[in-house]
């Protein structure tokens, strides 16, 4: 056991039984936060993998200005 854990255990041993409910609640909260961090890391990794899998390459002759013009014309042509 590490020195910090030994110190924590010793502090818990010296506490009155009445305070144990608080200690248990704090430890449960800390444990939940640790689990949530692991889940968040896992979700972030899965999201990144999904994004990288969806990555597509544009053709060599791709012209963004032409594409934008065509998209605007298609969407707003009725206004002119």
C-alpha atoms as a PDB file:
ATOM      1  CA  UNK A   1       0.000   0.000   0.000  1.00  0.00           C
ATOM      2  CA  UNK A   2       1.311   3.463  -0.821  1.00  0.00           C
ATOM      3  CA  UNK A   3       2.112   5.983   1.865  1.00  0.00           C
ATOM      4  CA  UNK A   4      -0.887   8.144   0.929  1.00  0.00           C
ATOM      5  CA  UNK A   5      -3.281   5.188   1.127  1.00  0.00           C
ATOM      6  CA  UNK A   6      -1.826   4.190   4.484  1.00  0.00           C
ATOM      7  CA  UNK A   7      -2.344   7.723   5.760  1.00  0.00           C
ATOM      8  CA  UNK A   8      -5.964   7.733   4.518  1.00  0.00           C
ATOM      9  CA  UNK A   9      -6.675   4.373   6.158  1.00  0.00           C
ATOM     10  CA  UNK A  10      -5.164   5.590   9.421  1.00  0.00           C
ATOM     11  CA  UNK A  11      -7.310   8.748   9.343  1.00  0.00           C
ATOM     12  CA  UNK A  12     -10.413   6.645   8.738  1.00  0.00           C
ATOM     13  CA  UNK A  13      -9.538   4.355  11.656  1.00  0.00           C
ATOM     14  CA  UNK A  14      -9.315   7.334  14.015  1.00  0.00           C
ATOM     15  CA  UNK A  15     -12.668   8.818  12.923  1.00  0.00           C
ATOM     16  CA  UNK A  16     -15.746   8.229  15.030  1.00  0.00           C
ATOM     17  CA  UNK A  17     -18.289   5.798  13.649  1.00  0.00           C
ATOM     18  CA  UNK A  18     -20.820   8.628  13.281  1.00  0.00           C
ATOM     19  CA  UNK A  19     -18.716  10.214  10.526  1.00  0.00           C
ATOM     20  CA  UNK A  20     -18.324   7.033   8.471  1.00  0.00           C
ATOM     21  CA  UNK A  21     -21.449   7.767   6.436  1.00  0.00           C
ATOM     22  CA  UNK A  22     -19.821  10.963   5.186  1.00  0.00           C
ATOM     23  CA  UNK A  23     -16.582   9.177   4.375  1.00  0.00           C
ATOM     24  CA  UNK A  24     -18.416   6.493   2.421  1.00  0.00           C
ATOM     25  CA  UNK A  25     -20.404   9.111   0.485  1.00  0.00           C
ATOM     26  CA  UNK A  26     -17.225  10.985  -0.416  1.00  0.00           C
ATOM     27  CA  UNK A  27     -15.481   7.808  -1.524  1.00  0.00           C
ATOM     28  CA  UNK A  28     -18.470   6.780  -3.642  1.00  0.00           C
ATOM     29  CA  UNK A  29     -18.467  10.191  -5.316  1.00  0.00           C
ATOM     30  CA  UNK A  30     -14.761   9.950  -6.037  1.00  0.00           C
ATOM     31  CA  UNK A  31     -15.184   6.466  -7.436  1.00  0.00           C
ATOM     32  CA  UNK A  32     -18.020   7.622  -9.706  1.00  0.00           C
ATOM     33  CA  UNK A  33     -15.900  10.494 -10.998  1.00  0.00           C
ATOM     34  CA  UNK A  34     -13.094   8.079 -11.873  1.00  0.00           C
ATOM     35  CA  UNK A  35     -15.472   5.771 -13.726  1.00  0.00           C
ATOM     36  CA  UNK A  36     -16.984   8.722 -15.619  1.00  0.00           C
ATOM     37  CA  UNK A  37     -13.527   9.884 -16.722  1.00  0.00           C
ATOM     38  CA  UNK A  38     -12.756   6.453 -18.118  1.00  0.00           C
ATOM     39  CA  UNK A  39     -16.087   6.370 -19.960  1.00  0.00           C
ATOM     40  CA  UNK A  40     -15.460   9.878 -21.304  1.00  0.00           C
ATOM     41  CA  UNK A  41     -12.026   8.858 -22.577  1.00  0.00           C
ATOM     42  CA  UNK A  42     -13.517   5.798 -24.224  1.00  0.00           C
ATOM     43  CA  UNK A  43     -16.309   7.827 -25.856  1.00  0.00           C
ATOM     44  CA  UNK A  44     -13.831  10.434 -27.080  1.00  0.00           C
ATOM     45  CA  UNK A  45     -11.675   7.732 -28.623  1.00  0.00           C
ATOM     46  CA  UNK A  46     -14.661   6.148 -30.328  1.00  0.00           C
ATOM     47  CA  UNK A  47     -15.801   9.528 -31.660  1.00  0.00           C
ATOM     48  CA  UNK A  48     -12.354  10.275 -33.050  1.00  0.00           C
ATOM     49  CA  UNK A  49     -12.221   6.864 -34.719  1.00  0.00           C
ATOM     50  CA  UNK A  50     -15.635   7.475 -36.283  1.00  0.00           C
ATOM     51  CA  UNK A  51     -14.532  10.865 -37.600  1.00  0.00           C
ATOM     52  CA  UNK A  52     -11.338   9.437 -39.041  1.00  0.00           C
ATOM     53  CA  UNK A  53     -13.300   6.633 -40.704  1.00  0.00           C
ATOM     54  CA  UNK A  54     -15.605   9.174 -42.357  1.00  0.00           C
ATOM     55  CA  UNK A  55     -12.706  11.244 -43.653  1.00  0.00           C
ATOM     56  CA  UNK A  56     -12.938  11.637 -47.423  1.00  0.00           C
ATOM     57  CA  UNK A  57     -10.501  13.035 -49.935  1.00  0.00           C
ATOM     58  CA  UNK A  58     -11.530  15.649 -52.463  1.00  0.00           C
ATOM     59  CA  UNK A  59     -10.799  15.179 -56.137  1.00  0.00           C
ATOM     60  CA  UNK A  60      -7.749  16.928 -57.573  1.00  0.00           C
ATOM     61  CA  UNK A  61      -9.904  19.271 -59.688  1.00  0.00           C
ATOM     62  CA  UNK A  62     -12.124  20.352 -56.789  1.00  0.00           C
ATOM     63  CA  UNK A  63     -12.901  24.084 -56.915  1.00  0.00           C
ATOM     64  CA  UNK A  64     -14.477  25.307 -53.665  1.00  0.00           C
ATOM     65  CA  UNK A  65     -15.602  28.628 -55.160  1.00  0.00           C
ATOM     66  CA  UNK A  66     -17.364  26.881 -58.031  1.00  0.00           C
ATOM     67  CA  UNK A  67     -19.010  24.451 -55.617  1.00  0.00           C
ATOM     68  CA  UNK A  68     -20.181  27.343 -53.423  1.00  0.00           C
ATOM     69  CA  UNK A  69     -21.591  29.221 -56.445  1.00  0.00           C
ATOM     70  CA  UNK A  70     -23.461  26.149 -57.625  1.00  0.00           C
ATOM     71  CA  UNK A  71     -24.840  25.438 -54.160  1.00  0.00           C
ATOM     72  CA  UNK A  72     -26.012  29.030 -53.758  1.00  0.00           C
ATOM     73  CA  UNK A  73     -27.577  29.024 -57.198  1.00  0.00           C
ATOM     74  CA  UNK A  74     -29.384  25.776 -56.423  1.00  0.00           C
ATOM     75  CA  UNK A  75     -30.628  27.000 -53.062  1.00  0.00           C
ATOM     76  CA  UNK A  76     -31.405  30.654 -53.817  1.00  0.00           C
ATOM     77  CA  UNK A  77     -32.041  30.681 -57.571  1.00  0.00           C
ATOM     78  CA  UNK A  78     -35.736  31.317 -56.991  1.00  0.00           C
ATOM     79  CA  UNK A  79     -34.932  34.688 -55.383  1.00  0.00           C
ATOM     80  CA  UNK A  80     -33.469  36.221 -58.552  1.00  0.00           C
END
